[in-house]
Amino acid sequence: MAKFSQSNSVFCVKPSTVNFKNETIGTGNTYVWDFGDGQTSTTENPSKTYNSLGNFSVNLKVTNSFNFINNFSVSNAVKIEPLKADFLIKNPNICVGNQVIIENRSTNMPYLEYNWYFSDGSTSKKANPKKVFKKSGEYEVSLLIKYEDCSDFIASKIKIKVSERPIAKIKINNTFFCSTDSVVIFNGVGKNIKNYNYYINTKIYLKNNSDPVFLFFTSI
């Protein structure tokens, strides 16, 4: 049965050379290699140089002394693709303690080395790091990827803005009344709050209002 192995399958530059080893059992065989780029070989153990980028499927056709033919194919046996570092910050505005969602869009290769750098001084070597900033401020992210002798670097164009977590707090002028029609004054006194949404019994009464609120009601 036809079979082969190869020295390598993934490359980041062209030209790149692959050494193929015939592992077919038997003697007196003839061989026809199809390297997927339009070139062929009848050598038993050929070395093939690829001069273009892309994915290449390889087929080995073996004919024995009885003219029995057997084929062995490997889809996308050779992949030649330049490195490209890329990522997307999906939530650039967060609160302290929340996780930054980073989508890695870099070239997908096995054994690729990732080097993430955050402007708070921390680093990560994970493909998809989970990052939490502990202090408010603006931060940058950069990524360096490496594969063999190739590398690529990218820095984020958008800064991550980390704000202090809001602390909700209100003051109420009074909580007990003797008549049904009364005035209640709600005053938002929390910290790090831009707007307030006021709810009574889960029903929203006023949205995006940071000023004191006066509510007139007969019943809740």
Protein backbone atom coordinates (compact mmCIF):
# COMPACT_ATOMS: atom_id res chain seq x y z
CA MET A 1 0.00 0.00 0.00
CA ALA A 2 1.30 3.42 -0.99
CA LYS A 3 2.39 5.69 1.83
CA PHE A 4 4.78 8.57 2.45
CA SER A 5 5.96 10.99 5.13
CA GLN A 6 7.41 14.48 4.85
CA SER A 7 9.97 16.60 6.67
CA ASN A 8 7.66 19.57 7.27
CA SER A 9 4.22 20.78 6.32
CA VAL A 10 3.92 24.43 7.36
CA PHE A 11 6.08 27.33 6.19
CA CYS A 12 5.93 31.10 6.52
CA VAL A 13 8.19 32.07 3.60
CA LYS A 14 8.73 31.12 0.00
CA PRO A 15 10.57 29.35 -1.50
CA SER A 16 10.38 26.40 0.92
CA THR A 17 11.65 22.85 0.46
CA VAL A 18 9.95 19.66 1.63
CA ASN A 19 11.70 16.29 1.72
CA PHE A 20 9.30 13.44 0.96
CA LYS A 21 10.07 9.88 2.06
CA ASN A 22 8.45 6.92 0.34
CA GLU A 23 7.23 4.38 2.91
CA THR A 24 5.56 1.98 0.51
CA ILE A 25 6.31 -1.68 1.27
CA GLY A 26 7.70 -3.77 -1.60
CA THR A 27 10.38 -3.77 -4.27
CA GLY A 28 10.31 -3.22 -8.00
CA ASN A 29 7.85 -0.35 -7.67
CA THR A 30 7.60 2.75 -9.84
CA TYR A 31 6.53 6.08 -8.41
CA VAL A 32 4.74 9.17 -9.67
CA TRP A 33 4.48 12.13 -7.31
CA ASP A 34 2.02 14.96 -7.84
CA PHE A 35 2.96 17.94 -5.65
CA GLY A 36 -0.23 19.94 -6.14
CA ASP A 37 1.39 22.87 -7.95
CA GLY A 38 1.48 21.33 -11.41
CA GLN A 39 4.86 19.65 -10.95
CA THR A 40 5.54 15.91 -10.69
CA SER A 41 8.44 13.55 -9.99
CA THR A 42 9.28 9.87 -10.53
CA THR A 43 12.01 9.85 -7.87
CA GLU A 44 11.46 7.43 -5.01
CA ASN A 45 12.30 10.00 -2.29
CA PRO A 46 12.06 13.46 -3.86
CA SER A 47 12.85 16.89 -2.47
CA LYS A 48 10.38 19.50 -3.61
CA THR A 49 10.78 23.29 -3.54
CA TYR A 50 7.59 25.33 -3.51
CA ASN A 51 7.92 28.84 -4.95
CA SER A 52 4.46 30.23 -4.27
CA LEU A 53 2.13 30.77 -1.34
CA GLY A 54 -0.88 28.52 -0.79
CA ASN A 55 -2.08 25.10 0.31
CA PHE A 56 -0.90 22.10 -1.69
CA SER A 57 -2.23 18.55 -1.72
CA VAL A 58 0.25 15.77 -2.52
CA ASN A 59 -0.48 12.42 -4.19
CA LEU A 60 1.80 9.40 -4.56
CA LYS A 61 0.94 6.86 -7.25
CA VAL A 62 2.72 3.51 -6.87
CA THR A 63 2.76 0.77 -9.50
CA ASN A 64 4.24 -2.63 -8.60
CA SER A 65 5.74 -5.32 -10.83
CA PHE A 66 2.27 -6.81 -11.44
CA ASN A 67 0.96 -3.43 -12.66
CA PHE A 68 -1.17 -3.06 -9.54
CA ILE A 69 -1.71 0.67 -8.88
CA ASN A 70 -2.24 2.25 -5.49
CA ASN A 71 -2.57 5.93 -4.59
CA PHE A 72 -1.90 7.74 -1.34
CA SER A 73 -3.06 11.36 -1.03
CA VAL A 74 -2.76 13.99 1.68
CA SER A 75 -4.99 17.04 1.38
CA ASN A 76 -3.25 20.35 2.16
CA ALA A 77 -0.04 18.47 2.86
CA VAL A 78 1.96 21.68 2.46
CA LYS A 79 0.88 25.11 3.66
CA ILE A 80 2.91 28.24 2.87
CA GLU A 81 1.49 31.41 4.37
CA PRO A 82 3.16 34.60 5.63
CA LEU A 83 2.70 35.54 9.27
CA LYS A 84 0.19 38.29 10.02
CA ALA A 85 -0.46 39.48 13.55
CA ASP A 86 -3.95 40.86 14.05
CA PHE A 87 -6.50 41.17 16.85
CA LEU A 88 -9.69 42.99 17.78
CA ILE A 89 -10.58 44.51 21.14
CA LYS A 90 -14.32 43.93 21.37
CA ASN A 91 -15.03 45.99 24.51
CA PRO A 92 -12.62 48.97 24.69
CA ASN A 93 -14.68 50.72 27.40
CA ILE A 94 -14.89 48.73 30.63
CA CYS A 95 -14.95 49.07 34.39
CA VAL A 96 -12.14 48.11 36.75
CA GLY A 97 -12.22 44.36 37.33
CA ASN A 98 -14.04 43.50 34.10
CA GLN A 99 -12.37 41.26 31.53
CA VAL A 100 -11.18 42.67 28.23
CA ILE A 101 -12.44 40.54 25.36
CA ILE A 102 -9.65 40.12 22.79
CA GLU A 103 -10.32 38.28 19.55
CA ASN A 104 -7.10 36.92 18.04
CA ARG A 105 -7.25 37.19 14.24
CA SER A 106 -3.65 36.30 13.51
CA THR A 107 -2.42 33.71 11.01
CA ASN A 108 -3.47 30.26 12.20
CA MET A 109 -0.42 27.98 12.36
CA PRO A 110 0.57 25.08 14.61
CA TYR A 111 3.28 25.81 17.18
CA LEU A 112 2.87 29.57 16.69
CA GLU A 113 4.40 31.60 19.52
CA TYR A 114 2.31 34.46 20.92
CA ASN A 115 3.70 37.36 22.92
CA TRP A 116 1.11 39.81 24.26
CA TYR A 117 2.20 43.06 25.90
CA PHE A 118 -0.11 45.26 27.99
CA SER A 119 0.82 48.81 28.93
CA ASP A 120 0.30 48.07 32.63
CA GLY A 121 3.47 45.97 32.44
CA SER A 122 1.86 42.53 32.24
CA THR A 123 2.36 39.97 29.45
CA SER A 124 0.85 36.73 28.21
CA LYS A 125 1.85 33.89 25.89
CA LYS A 126 -1.64 32.48 25.42
CA ALA A 127 -3.33 32.56 22.02
CA ASN A 128 -6.41 34.19 23.56
CA PRO A 129 -5.44 35.87 26.83
CA LYS A 130 -7.92 36.83 29.53
CA LYS A 131 -6.94 40.27 30.77
CA VAL A 132 -8.35 42.23 33.70
CA PHE A 133 -7.08 45.72 34.55
CA LYS A 134 -7.04 46.49 38.27
CA LYS A 135 -6.73 50.27 38.01
CA SER A 136 -8.57 52.93 36.02
CA GLY A 137 -6.83 54.58 33.09
CA GLU A 138 -6.11 54.16 29.40
CA TYR A 139 -4.18 51.12 28.25
CA GLU A 140 -2.64 49.80 25.04
CA VAL A 141 -2.18 46.24 23.79
CA SER A 142 0.39 44.89 21.33
CA LEU A 143 1.10 41.43 19.92
CA LEU A 144 4.25 39.80 18.57
CA ILE A 145 3.89 36.41 16.87
CA LYS A 146 6.74 34.12 15.87
CA TYR A 147 7.11 30.96 13.82
CA GLU A 148 10.60 29.62 13.06
CA ASP A 149 12.45 32.56 11.46
CA CYS A 150 9.31 34.62 10.80
CA SER A 151 7.69 37.21 13.02
CA ASP A 152 5.11 39.99 12.86
CA PHE A 153 4.12 42.74 15.28
CA ILE A 154 0.99 44.85 15.72
CA ALA A 155 -0.10 47.42 18.29
CA SER A 156 -3.71 48.30 19.05
CA LYS A 157 -4.99 51.46 17.38
CA ILE A 158 -7.73 51.83 19.98
CA LYS A 159 -6.85 52.44 23.62
CA ILE A 160 -8.71 50.52 26.30
CA LYS A 161 -10.46 52.94 28.66
CA VAL A 162 -10.90 51.51 32.14
CA SER A 163 -13.20 53.43 34.46
CA GLU A 164 -13.87 53.10 38.17
CA ARG A 165 -16.85 50.89 38.91
CA PRO A 166 -19.99 52.95 39.64
CA ILE A 167 -21.36 52.91 43.17
CA ALA A 168 -25.14 53.33 43.20
CA LYS A 169 -26.57 55.34 46.08
CA ILE A 170 -29.58 57.61 46.53
CA LYS A 171 -30.99 59.87 49.23
CA ILE A 172 -34.73 60.04 49.84
CA ASN A 173 -36.23 63.02 51.65
CA ASN A 174 -38.82 60.91 53.40
CA THR A 175 -40.06 57.34 53.45
CA PHE A 176 -43.27 57.64 55.46
CA PHE A 177 -46.31 59.71 54.53
CA CYS A 178 -49.82 60.08 55.92
CA SER A 179 -51.57 61.08 52.69
CA THR A 180 -51.83 59.30 49.35
CA ASP A 181 -50.69 62.24 47.22
CA SER A 182 -47.19 63.06 48.35
CA VAL A 183 -43.93 64.34 46.97
CA VAL A 184 -40.86 62.18 47.19
CA ILE A 185 -37.45 63.62 46.36
CA PHE A 186 -34.83 61.16 45.08
CA ASN A 187 -31.31 62.49 44.91
CA GLY A 188 -28.55 60.42 43.32
CA VAL A 189 -25.38 60.67 45.41
CA GLY A 190 -23.41 57.68 44.12
CA LYS A 191 -19.88 57.74 42.75
CA ASN A 192 -18.55 57.39 39.21
CA ILE A 193 -22.05 57.60 37.76
CA LYS A 194 -22.92 59.40 34.55
CA ASN A 195 -26.65 58.81 34.47
CA TYR A 196 -29.26 57.36 36.79
CA ASN A 197 -32.23 55.13 36.01
CA TYR A 198 -34.88 55.20 38.72
CA TYR A 199 -37.10 52.16 39.35
CA ILE A 200 -40.01 51.67 41.71
CA ASN A 201 -41.27 48.11 42.09
CA THR A 202 -39.19 47.15 39.02
CA LYS A 203 -40.98 49.73 36.85
CA ILE A 204 -38.75 52.41 35.40
CA TYR A 205 -39.86 55.98 36.04
CA LEU A 206 -36.99 58.09 34.78
CA LYS A 207 -34.00 57.22 32.61
CA ASN A 208 -30.61 58.88 32.20
CA ASN A 209 -31.24 61.55 34.79
CA SER A 210 -28.59 62.59 37.30
CA ASP A 211 -30.55 65.50 38.84
CA PRO A 212 -32.81 65.19 41.86
CA VAL A 213 -36.14 63.65 40.91
CA PHE A 214 -39.58 64.64 42.14
CA LEU A 215 -42.27 62.00 41.88
CA PHE A 216 -45.93 62.60 42.53
CA PHE A 217 -47.95 59.44 43.08
CA THR A 218 -51.08 58.20 44.74
CA SER A 219 -50.10 54.53 44.93
CA ILE A 220 -47.29 52.24 43.84
